[in-house]
């Protein structure tokens, strides 16, 4: 493979935990399905291994698994993606390295969720990165033309989310934006994100109607990882690392007009079908 207000402020403290290191551990943790599909490298590094995450489910096409959610928080009307708490880990030989993870909504939310498709090498994803976590506009939806490049996204930009449509699929499911996360500074690789405000988010959390089959663990996590109807995910297709779109032009012929569609190889993801999934996180480069 190629490459809300309801959150307390992060403490800034470090925790010390035993951790996995190296790509060998990733292979050892891979026992089947999409995990095996991710073990294709002997690249050295740190903090690799079998990882459980919550992502939007892949429903069609060659993608081996879903794309991971990024927890959302609102800071004085501005939209942020929550990065896990920095921790210090110990390898089997007693050396230490920095990682990032925390308990959120009953699950371990970790930087490992994003260690695929080369994102693991992005400077902004490293636990030592000096980033403010705000989601900044960087996309192709026509409504975003009214925003400045890299403008911090605000709740008010999504005020019409219950009616918004772009002529593709059903209007009123939510208003999306293409954005970048932890991508500020010179020579920093952009980390693409889709953030969406949707009236479906509280329904998913409550397990209403068609969402009755969502697992309790996923709904508990969603309650902690969404704010004001906002949900976000890392926008890297797990097939060949392309950048898909929600309500993309041409997606209707593949039954994806109300879903996330990757035009490169026709992988489809359902943002209204979050799942608890597993994959083998690739190692991050050693600092």
C-alpha atoms as a PDB file:
ATOM      1  CA  UNK A   1       0.000   0.000   0.000  1.00  0.00           C
ATOM      2  CA  UNK A   2       1.304   3.480  -0.834  1.00  0.00           C
ATOM      3  CA  UNK A   3       2.176   5.229   0.940  1.00  0.00           C
ATOM      4  CA  UNK A   4     -18.165  21.516  22.680  1.00  0.00           C
ATOM      5  CA  UNK A   5     -17.942  23.017  24.737  1.00  0.00           C
ATOM      6  CA  UNK A   6     -18.350  19.920  26.857  1.00  0.00           C
ATOM      7  CA  UNK A   7     -14.682  19.060  26.886  1.00  0.00           C
ATOM      8  CA  UNK A   8     -12.386  20.102  29.751  1.00  0.00           C
ATOM      9  CA  UNK A   9      -9.117  21.654  28.635  1.00  0.00           C
ATOM     10  CA  UNK A  10      -6.245  19.251  28.093  1.00  0.00           C
ATOM     11  CA  UNK A  11      -4.073  18.987  31.159  1.00  0.00           C
ATOM     12  CA  UNK A  12      -0.706  19.113  29.417  1.00  0.00           C
ATOM     13  CA  UNK A  13       0.604  16.497  31.850  1.00  0.00           C
ATOM     14  CA  UNK A  14       2.415  13.397  30.677  1.00  0.00           C
ATOM     15  CA  UNK A  15       1.538   9.833  31.530  1.00  0.00           C
ATOM     16  CA  UNK A  16       4.027   6.973  31.502  1.00  0.00           C
ATOM     17  CA  UNK A  17       2.868   3.701  30.017  1.00  0.00           C
ATOM     18  CA  UNK A  18       4.317   0.589  28.463  1.00  0.00           C
ATOM     19  CA  UNK A  19       4.004   0.718  24.684  1.00  0.00           C
ATOM     20  CA  UNK A  20       4.694  -1.109  21.451  1.00  0.00           C
ATOM     21  CA  UNK A  21       7.476  -0.062  19.132  1.00  0.00           C
ATOM     22  CA  UNK A  22       8.538  -1.034  15.626  1.00  0.00           C
ATOM     23  CA  UNK A  23       6.955  -2.534  12.563  1.00  0.00           C
ATOM     24  CA  UNK A  24       7.537  -6.068  13.771  1.00  0.00           C
ATOM     25  CA  UNK A  25       4.905  -5.558  16.428  1.00  0.00           C
ATOM     26  CA  UNK A  26       2.461  -4.411  13.761  1.00  0.00           C
ATOM     27  CA  UNK A  27       2.907  -7.685  11.926  1.00  0.00           C
ATOM     28  CA  UNK A  28       2.532  -9.711  15.078  1.00  0.00           C
ATOM     29  CA  UNK A  29      -0.746  -7.975  15.877  1.00  0.00           C
ATOM     30  CA  UNK A  30      -2.216  -8.587  12.444  1.00  0.00           C
ATOM     31  CA  UNK A  31      -4.445 -11.625  12.509  1.00  0.00           C
ATOM     32  CA  UNK A  32      -6.912 -11.132   9.692  1.00  0.00           C
ATOM     33  CA  UNK A  33      -9.115  -8.982   7.484  1.00  0.00           C
ATOM     34  CA  UNK A  34      -8.155  -5.376   7.046  1.00  0.00           C
ATOM     35  CA  UNK A  35      -5.336  -5.692   9.549  1.00  0.00           C
ATOM     36  CA  UNK A  36      -3.415  -7.951   7.189  1.00  0.00           C
ATOM     37  CA  UNK A  37      -4.002  -5.520   4.333  1.00  0.00           C
ATOM     38  CA  UNK A  38      -2.140  -2.835   6.284  1.00  0.00           C
ATOM     39  CA  UNK A  39       0.968  -4.883   7.049  1.00  0.00           C
ATOM     40  CA  UNK A  40       3.025  -4.248   3.934  1.00  0.00           C
ATOM     41  CA  UNK A  41       6.126  -2.556   5.257  1.00  0.00           C
ATOM     42  CA  UNK A  42       9.288  -3.317   7.173  1.00  0.00           C
ATOM     43  CA  UNK A  43       9.847   0.373   7.789  1.00  0.00           C
ATOM     44  CA  UNK A  44      11.392   1.027  11.184  1.00  0.00           C
ATOM     45  CA  UNK A  45       9.942   3.491  13.652  1.00  0.00           C
ATOM     46  CA  UNK A  46       7.928   3.720  16.837  1.00  0.00           C
ATOM     47  CA  UNK A  47       4.437   3.115  18.183  1.00  0.00           C
ATOM     48  CA  UNK A  48       3.133   0.647  15.616  1.00  0.00           C
ATOM     49  CA  UNK A  49       0.641  -2.131  16.240  1.00  0.00           C
ATOM     50  CA  UNK A  50      -2.856  -3.469  16.139  1.00  0.00           C
ATOM     51  CA  UNK A  51      -5.197  -0.591  16.919  1.00  0.00           C
ATOM     52  CA  UNK A  52      -8.931  -0.308  17.577  1.00  0.00           C
ATOM     53  CA  UNK A  53     -10.546   2.882  16.358  1.00  0.00           C
ATOM     54  CA  UNK A  54     -13.918   4.383  15.493  1.00  0.00           C
ATOM     55  CA  UNK A  55     -14.318   5.270  11.846  1.00  0.00           C
ATOM     56  CA  UNK A  56     -16.902   5.831   9.155  1.00  0.00           C
ATOM     57  CA  UNK A  57     -17.595   2.442   7.596  1.00  0.00           C
ATOM     58  CA  UNK A  58     -16.522   1.520   4.087  1.00  0.00           C
ATOM     59  CA  UNK A  59     -19.583   0.111   2.318  1.00  0.00           C
ATOM     60  CA  UNK A  60     -18.391  -0.543  -1.251  1.00  0.00           C
ATOM     61  CA  UNK A  61     -15.273  -0.629  -3.386  1.00  0.00           C
ATOM     62  CA  UNK A  62     -11.778  -1.895  -2.629  1.00  0.00           C
ATOM     63  CA  UNK A  63     -11.042   0.072   0.552  1.00  0.00           C
ATOM     64  CA  UNK A  64     -10.144  -2.434   3.292  1.00  0.00           C
ATOM     65  CA  UNK A  65     -11.599  -0.458   6.206  1.00  0.00           C
ATOM     66  CA  UNK A  66     -13.188   2.815   7.295  1.00  0.00           C
ATOM     67  CA  UNK A  67     -11.572   6.202   7.857  1.00  0.00           C
ATOM     68  CA  UNK A  68     -10.945   7.294  11.481  1.00  0.00           C
ATOM     69  CA  UNK A  69     -12.986   9.915  13.277  1.00  0.00           C
ATOM     70  CA  UNK A  70     -11.344  13.010  14.728  1.00  0.00           C
ATOM     71  CA  UNK A  71     -13.046  14.147  17.953  1.00  0.00           C
ATOM     72  CA  UNK A  72     -14.447  17.669  17.779  1.00  0.00           C
ATOM     73  CA  UNK A  73     -14.538  20.453  20.313  1.00  0.00           C
ATOM     74  CA  UNK A  74     -15.773  24.044  20.052  1.00  0.00           C
ATOM     75  CA  UNK A  75     -13.574  26.849  21.380  1.00  0.00           C
ATOM     76  CA  UNK A  76     -15.327  30.231  21.517  1.00  0.00           C
ATOM     77  CA  UNK A  77     -17.242  29.409  18.344  1.00  0.00           C
ATOM     78  CA  UNK A  78     -14.226  27.995  16.497  1.00  0.00           C
ATOM     79  CA  UNK A  79     -14.052  24.352  15.478  1.00  0.00           C
ATOM     80  CA  UNK A  80     -11.125  22.228  16.643  1.00  0.00           C
ATOM     81  CA  UNK A  81     -10.053  18.640  16.202  1.00  0.00           C
ATOM     82  CA  UNK A  82      -9.040  17.183  19.551  1.00  0.00           C
ATOM     83  CA  UNK A  83      -5.542  15.663  19.653  1.00  0.00           C
ATOM     84  CA  UNK A  84      -4.856  13.022  22.326  1.00  0.00           C
ATOM     85  CA  UNK A  85      -2.905  13.769  25.482  1.00  0.00           C
ATOM     86  CA  UNK A  86       0.875  13.383  25.254  1.00  0.00           C
ATOM     87  CA  UNK A  87       2.225  10.349  27.100  1.00  0.00           C
ATOM     88  CA  UNK A  88       5.612   8.767  27.552  1.00  0.00           C
ATOM     89  CA  UNK A  89       5.964   5.109  26.670  1.00  0.00           C
ATOM     90  CA  UNK A  90       8.564   2.489  27.400  1.00  0.00           C
ATOM     91  CA  UNK A  91       9.868  -0.134  25.018  1.00  0.00           C
ATOM     92  CA  UNK A  92      10.855  -3.663  25.986  1.00  0.00           C
ATOM     93  CA  UNK A  93      14.499  -2.642  26.242  1.00  0.00           C
ATOM     94  CA  UNK A  94      13.651   0.152  28.698  1.00  0.00           C
ATOM     95  CA  UNK A  95      14.066   3.136  26.382  1.00  0.00           C
ATOM     96  CA  UNK A  96      11.277   5.713  26.186  1.00  0.00           C
ATOM     97  CA  UNK A  97       9.502   7.646  23.491  1.00  0.00           C
ATOM     98  CA  UNK A  98       6.577  10.045  23.234  1.00  0.00           C
ATOM     99  CA  UNK A  99       3.144   9.028  22.049  1.00  0.00           C
ATOM    100  CA  UNK A 100      -0.363  10.435  22.467  1.00  0.00           C
ATOM    101  CA  UNK A 101      -3.449   8.690  23.803  1.00  0.00           C
ATOM    102  CA  UNK A 102      -6.265   9.199  26.283  1.00  0.00           C
ATOM    103  CA  UNK A 103      -9.493   7.604  27.377  1.00  0.00           C
ATOM    104  CA  UNK A 104     -12.401   9.237  25.597  1.00  0.00           C
ATOM    105  CA  UNK A 105     -15.977   8.007  25.536  1.00  0.00           C
ATOM    106  CA  UNK A 106     -15.013   4.619  26.938  1.00  0.00           C
ATOM    107  CA  UNK A 107     -12.320   3.928  24.329  1.00  0.00           C
ATOM    108  CA  UNK A 108      -8.617   4.600  23.955  1.00  0.00           C
ATOM    109  CA  UNK A 109      -8.279   7.484  21.509  1.00  0.00           C
ATOM    110  CA  UNK A 110      -4.744   7.421  20.163  1.00  0.00           C
ATOM    111  CA  UNK A 111      -2.460   9.054  17.608  1.00  0.00           C
ATOM    112  CA  UNK A 112      -2.138   5.544  16.190  1.00  0.00           C
ATOM    113  CA  UNK A 113      -5.611   5.997  14.662  1.00  0.00           C
ATOM    114  CA  UNK A 114      -3.958   8.232  12.054  1.00  0.00           C
ATOM    115  CA  UNK A 115      -0.847   6.202  11.286  1.00  0.00           C
ATOM    116  CA  UNK A 116      -1.581   5.125   7.717  1.00  0.00           C
ATOM    117  CA  UNK A 117      -1.191   6.419   4.178  1.00  0.00           C
ATOM    118  CA  UNK A 118       1.926   8.406   5.047  1.00  0.00           C
ATOM    119  CA  UNK A 119       0.112  10.537   7.612  1.00  0.00           C
ATOM    120  CA  UNK A 120       2.319   8.844  10.207  1.00  0.00           C
ATOM    121  CA  UNK A 121       5.232  10.830   8.729  1.00  0.00           C
ATOM    122  CA  UNK A 122       3.466  14.199   8.782  1.00  0.00           C
ATOM    123  CA  UNK A 123       5.108  16.643  11.181  1.00  0.00           C
ATOM    124  CA  UNK A 124       1.754  17.782  12.522  1.00  0.00           C
ATOM    125  CA  UNK A 125       0.747  14.304  13.659  1.00  0.00           C
ATOM    126  CA  UNK A 126       3.761  13.898  15.941  1.00  0.00           C
ATOM    127  CA  UNK A 127       3.114  14.273  19.701  1.00  0.00           C
ATOM    128  CA  UNK A 128       5.832  16.943  19.881  1.00  0.00           C
ATOM    129  CA  UNK A 129       4.243  19.109  17.152  1.00  0.00           C
ATOM    130  CA  UNK A 130       3.468  22.725  18.034  1.00  0.00           C
ATOM    131  CA  UNK A 131      -0.076  22.956  16.632  1.00  0.00           C
ATOM    132  CA  UNK A 132      -3.256  24.628  17.893  1.00  0.00           C
ATOM    133  CA  UNK A 133      -5.671  21.932  16.570  1.00  0.00           C
ATOM    134  CA  UNK A 134      -8.083  24.360  14.850  1.00  0.00           C
ATOM    135  CA  UNK A 135      -9.666  23.125  11.636  1.00  0.00           C
ATOM    136  CA  UNK A 136      -8.795  25.501   8.810  1.00  0.00           C
ATOM    137  CA  UNK A 137     -10.599  25.828   5.502  1.00  0.00           C
ATOM    138  CA  UNK A 138      -8.879  24.158   2.620  1.00  0.00           C
ATOM    139  CA  UNK A 139     -11.386  22.749   0.254  1.00  0.00           C
ATOM    140  CA  UNK A 140     -13.483  22.568  -2.804  1.00  0.00           C
ATOM    141  CA  UNK A 141     -17.107  22.966  -1.701  1.00  0.00           C
ATOM    142  CA  UNK A 142     -18.440  26.018  -3.505  1.00  0.00           C
ATOM    143  CA  UNK A 143     -19.704  27.647  -0.322  1.00  0.00           C
ATOM    144  CA  UNK A 144     -16.128  27.722   0.967  1.00  0.00           C
ATOM    145  CA  UNK A 145     -15.281  30.303  -1.671  1.00  0.00           C
ATOM    146  CA  UNK A 146     -16.528  32.932   0.769  1.00  0.00           C
ATOM    147  CA  UNK A 147     -13.763  31.991   3.219  1.00  0.00           C
ATOM    148  CA  UNK A 148     -10.142  33.064   3.235  1.00  0.00           C
ATOM    149  CA  UNK A 149      -7.532  30.395   2.618  1.00  0.00           C
ATOM    150  CA  UNK A 150      -6.726  28.591   5.860  1.00  0.00           C
ATOM    151  CA  UNK A 151      -9.438  30.519   7.712  1.00  0.00           C
ATOM    152  CA  UNK A 152     -10.402  28.851  10.987  1.00  0.00           C
ATOM    153  CA  UNK A 153     -13.813  27.257  10.605  1.00  0.00           C
ATOM    154  CA  UNK A 154     -16.509  28.624  12.893  1.00  0.00           C
ATOM    155  CA  UNK A 155     -19.893  27.321  13.987  1.00  0.00           C
ATOM    156  CA  UNK A 156     -21.572  30.241  12.218  1.00  0.00           C
ATOM    157  CA  UNK A 157     -20.210  29.065   8.868  1.00  0.00           C
ATOM    158  CA  UNK A 158     -22.531  26.063   9.186  1.00  0.00           C
ATOM    159  CA  UNK A 159     -25.727  27.858  10.292  1.00  0.00           C
ATOM    160  CA  UNK A 160     -27.674  26.503   7.308  1.00  0.00           C
ATOM    161  CA  UNK A 161     -26.642  22.880   7.907  1.00  0.00           C
ATOM    162  CA  UNK A 162     -30.240  21.636   8.205  1.00  0.00           C
ATOM    163  CA  UNK A 163     -31.074  22.846   4.676  1.00  0.00           C
ATOM    164  CA  UNK A 164     -27.735  22.809   2.839  1.00  0.00           C
ATOM    165  CA  UNK A 165     -27.382  20.938  -0.426  1.00  0.00           C
ATOM    166  CA  UNK A 166     -25.142  21.023  -3.475  1.00  0.00           C
ATOM    167  CA  UNK A 167     -27.456  19.374  -5.989  1.00  0.00           C
ATOM    168  CA  UNK A 168     -26.075  15.917  -5.220  1.00  0.00           C
ATOM    169  CA  UNK A 169     -28.300  13.514  -3.299  1.00  0.00           C
ATOM    170  CA  UNK A 170     -30.616  14.625  -0.497  1.00  0.00           C
ATOM    171  CA  UNK A 171     -30.392  18.154   0.898  1.00  0.00           C
ATOM    172  CA  UNK A 172     -30.528  18.678   4.655  1.00  0.00           C
ATOM    173  CA  UNK A 173     -28.340  15.743   5.728  1.00  0.00           C
ATOM    174  CA  UNK A 174     -25.587  18.089   6.793  1.00  0.00           C
ATOM    175  CA  UNK A 175     -23.156  20.734   5.612  1.00  0.00           C
ATOM    176  CA  UNK A 176     -19.564  19.603   4.990  1.00  0.00           C
ATOM    177  CA  UNK A 177     -16.296  21.462   4.673  1.00  0.00           C
ATOM    178  CA  UNK A 178     -12.910  20.401   3.446  1.00  0.00           C
ATOM    179  CA  UNK A 179     -10.299  21.370   5.995  1.00  0.00           C
ATOM    180  CA  UNK A 180      -6.748  20.898   7.194  1.00  0.00           C
ATOM    181  CA  UNK A 181      -5.814  19.779  10.709  1.00  0.00           C
ATOM    182  CA  UNK A 182      -2.464  20.257  12.449  1.00  0.00           C
ATOM    183  CA  UNK A 183      -0.981  21.505   9.203  1.00  0.00           C
ATOM    184  CA  UNK A 184       0.361  24.977  10.072  1.00  0.00           C
ATOM    185  CA  UNK A 185       3.891  26.123   9.406  1.00  0.00           C
ATOM    186  CA  UNK A 186       6.487  25.883   6.663  1.00  0.00           C
ATOM    187  CA  UNK A 187       7.210  22.521   5.060  1.00  0.00           C
ATOM    188  CA  UNK A 188       4.440  20.825   7.030  1.00  0.00           C
ATOM    189  CA  UNK A 189       2.491  18.139   5.202  1.00  0.00           C
ATOM    190  CA  UNK A 190      -1.222  18.921   4.975  1.00  0.00           C
ATOM    191  CA  UNK A 191      -3.506  16.548   6.871  1.00  0.00           C
ATOM    192  CA  UNK A 192      -6.854  16.594   5.037  1.00  0.00           C
ATOM    193  CA  UNK A 193     -10.101  16.388   6.971  1.00  0.00           C
ATOM    194  CA  UNK A 194     -13.807  16.553   6.245  1.00  0.00           C
ATOM    195  CA  UNK A 195     -15.819  18.192   9.006  1.00  0.00           C
ATOM    196  CA  UNK A 196     -19.609  18.168   8.815  1.00  0.00           C
ATOM    197  CA  UNK A 197     -22.410  19.602  10.911  1.00  0.00           C
ATOM    198  CA  UNK A 198     -25.414  17.338  10.594  1.00  0.00           C
ATOM    199  CA  UNK A 199     -28.843  16.925  12.211  1.00  0.00           C
ATOM    200  CA  UNK A 200     -28.147  13.181  12.046  1.00  0.00           C
ATOM    201  CA  UNK A 201     -25.406  13.313  14.693  1.00  0.00           C
ATOM    202  CA  UNK A 202     -27.688  13.562  17.760  1.00  0.00           C
ATOM    203  CA  UNK A 203     -29.887  10.854  16.249  1.00  0.00           C
ATOM    204  CA  UNK A 204     -26.902   8.547  15.969  1.00  0.00           C
ATOM    205  CA  UNK A 205     -25.921   9.203  19.585  1.00  0.00           C
ATOM    206  CA  UNK A 206     -29.481   8.469  20.761  1.00  0.00           C
ATOM    207  CA  UNK A 207     -29.791   5.381  18.555  1.00  0.00           C
ATOM    208  CA  UNK A 208     -32.974   6.712  16.990  1.00  0.00           C
ATOM    209  CA  UNK A 209     -34.742   5.012  14.101  1.00  0.00           C
ATOM    210  CA  UNK A 210     -32.304   3.656  11.533  1.00  0.00           C
ATOM    211  CA  UNK A 211     -29.447   4.134  14.000  1.00  0.00           C
ATOM    212  CA  UNK A 212     -30.867   1.624  16.499  1.00  0.00           C
ATOM    213  CA  UNK A 213     -28.249  -0.919  15.422  1.00  0.00           C
ATOM    214  CA  UNK A 214     -25.271   1.280  16.282  1.00  0.00           C
ATOM    215  CA  UNK A 215     -23.393  -0.358  19.133  1.00  0.00           C
ATOM    216  CA  UNK A 216     -23.539   1.215  22.576  1.00  0.00           C
ATOM    217  CA  UNK A 217     -19.755   1.640  22.598  1.00  0.00           C
ATOM    218  CA  UNK A 218     -19.845   3.605  19.344  1.00  0.00           C
ATOM    219  CA  UNK A 219     -22.749   5.767  20.498  1.00  0.00           C
ATOM    220  CA  UNK A 220     -20.948   6.479  23.793  1.00  0.00           C
ATOM    221  CA  UNK A 221     -17.839   7.503  21.903  1.00  0.00           C
ATOM    222  CA  UNK A 222     -19.833   9.694  19.520  1.00  0.00           C
ATOM    223  CA  UNK A 223     -21.367  11.484  22.497  1.00  0.00           C
ATOM    224  CA  UNK A 224     -17.872  12.388  23.692  1.00  0.00           C
ATOM    225  CA  UNK A 225     -16.324  12.999  20.268  1.00  0.00           C
ATOM    226  CA  UNK A 226     -18.913  15.287  18.658  1.00  0.00           C
ATOM    227  CA  UNK A 227     -20.091  18.789  19.550  1.00  0.00           C
ATOM    228  CA  UNK A 228     -23.044  20.888  18.389  1.00  0.00           C
ATOM    229  CA  UNK A 229     -23.781  18.339  15.669  1.00  0.00           C
ATOM    230  CA  UNK A 230     -20.226  18.420  14.291  1.00  0.00           C
ATOM    231  CA  UNK A 231     -18.375  15.268  13.317  1.00  0.00           C
ATOM    232  CA  UNK A 232     -15.058  14.933  11.458  1.00  0.00           C
ATOM    233  CA  UNK A 233     -12.851  12.258   9.945  1.00  0.00           C
ATOM    234  CA  UNK A 234      -9.382  11.997   8.467  1.00  0.00           C
ATOM    235  CA  UNK A 235      -9.961  12.223   4.727  1.00  0.00           C
ATOM    236  CA  UNK A 236      -7.555   9.588   3.407  1.00  0.00           C
ATOM    237  CA  UNK A 237      -9.013   6.662   1.517  1.00  0.00           C
ATOM    238  CA  UNK A 238      -7.688   3.444   3.038  1.00  0.00           C
ATOM    239  CA  UNK A 239      -7.298   1.878  -0.397  1.00  0.00           C
ATOM    240  CA  UNK A 240      -4.662   4.006  -2.176  1.00  0.00           C
ATOM    241  CA  UNK A 241      -4.656   7.091   0.048  1.00  0.00           C
ATOM    242  CA  UNK A 242      -6.691   9.371  -2.246  1.00  0.00           C
ATOM    243  CA  UNK A 243      -8.817  12.214  -0.821  1.00  0.00           C
ATOM    244  CA  UNK A 244     -12.554  11.399  -1.142  1.00  0.00           C
ATOM    245  CA  UNK A 245     -15.548  13.758  -0.911  1.00  0.00           C
ATOM    246  CA  UNK A 246     -18.988  13.744   0.677  1.00  0.00           C
ATOM    247  CA  UNK A 247     -21.742  14.318  -1.914  1.00  0.00           C
ATOM    248  CA  UNK A 248     -19.234  14.215  -4.746  1.00  0.00           C
ATOM    249  CA  UNK A 249     -20.124  14.912  -8.352  1.00  0.00           C
ATOM    250  CA  UNK A 250     -20.644  11.622 -10.194  1.00  0.00           C
ATOM    251  CA  UNK A 251     -21.207   9.606  -7.035  1.00  0.00           C
ATOM    252  CA  UNK A 252     -24.893   8.877  -7.761  1.00  0.00           C
ATOM    253  CA  UNK A 253     -24.075   6.218 -10.366  1.00  0.00           C
ATOM    254  CA  UNK A 254     -22.359   4.255  -7.590  1.00  0.00           C
ATOM    255  CA  UNK A 255     -25.170   4.743  -5.054  1.00  0.00           C
ATOM    256  CA  UNK A 256     -22.959   7.133  -3.094  1.00  0.00           C
ATOM    257  CA  UNK A 257     -24.760  10.454  -3.542  1.00  0.00           C
ATOM    258  CA  UNK A 258     -25.374  10.682   0.227  1.00  0.00           C
ATOM    259  CA  UNK A 259     -22.064   9.124   1.178  1.00  0.00           C
ATOM    260  CA  UNK A 260     -18.330   9.706   0.903  1.00  0.00           C
ATOM    261  CA  UNK A 261     -17.079   8.665  -2.518  1.00  0.00           C
ATOM    262  CA  UNK A 262     -13.522   8.187  -3.738  1.00  0.00           C
ATOM    263  CA  UNK A 263     -13.392   8.941  -7.459  1.00  0.00           C
ATOM    264  CA  UNK A 264     -10.076   7.157  -7.979  1.00  0.00           C
ATOM    265  CA  UNK A 265     -11.232   3.566  -7.448  1.00  0.00           C
ATOM    266  CA  UNK A 266     -14.898   3.910  -6.390  1.00  0.00           C
ATOM    267  CA  UNK A 267     -14.553   3.176  -2.693  1.00  0.00           C
ATOM    268  CA  UNK A 268     -17.586   4.330  -0.720  1.00  0.00           C
ATOM    269  CA  UNK A 269     -17.878   5.255   2.969  1.00  0.00           C
ATOM    270  CA  UNK A 270     -20.981   6.023   5.033  1.00  0.00           C
ATOM    271  CA  UNK A 271     -20.505   8.961   7.414  1.00  0.00           C
ATOM    272  CA  UNK A 272     -23.776   7.975   9.107  1.00  0.00           C
ATOM    273  CA  UNK A 273     -22.486   4.483   9.883  1.00  0.00           C
ATOM    274  CA  UNK A 274     -19.619   4.762  12.380  1.00  0.00           C
ATOM    275  CA  UNK A 275     -18.075   1.464  13.452  1.00  0.00           C
ATOM    276  CA  UNK A 276     -15.514   0.147  15.924  1.00  0.00           C
ATOM    277  CA  UNK A 277     -12.760  -1.228  13.690  1.00  0.00           C
ATOM    278  CA  UNK A 278      -9.217  -2.607  13.823  1.00  0.00           C
ATOM    279  CA  UNK A 279      -6.093  -2.127  11.729  1.00  0.00           C
ATOM    280  CA  UNK A 280      -2.315  -2.298  12.071  1.00  0.00           C
ATOM    281  CA  UNK A 281      -0.962   1.198  12.620  1.00  0.00           C
ATOM    282  CA  UNK A 282       2.238   1.925  10.695  1.00  0.00           C
ATOM    283  CA  UNK A 283       5.260   3.055  12.719  1.00  0.00           C
ATOM    284  CA  UNK A 284       5.930   6.763  13.150  1.00  0.00           C
ATOM    285  CA  UNK A 285       9.478   7.890  12.367  1.00  0.00           C
ATOM    286  CA  UNK A 286      11.701   8.208  15.397  1.00  0.00           C
ATOM    287  CA  UNK A 287      12.353  11.876  16.229  1.00  0.00           C
END
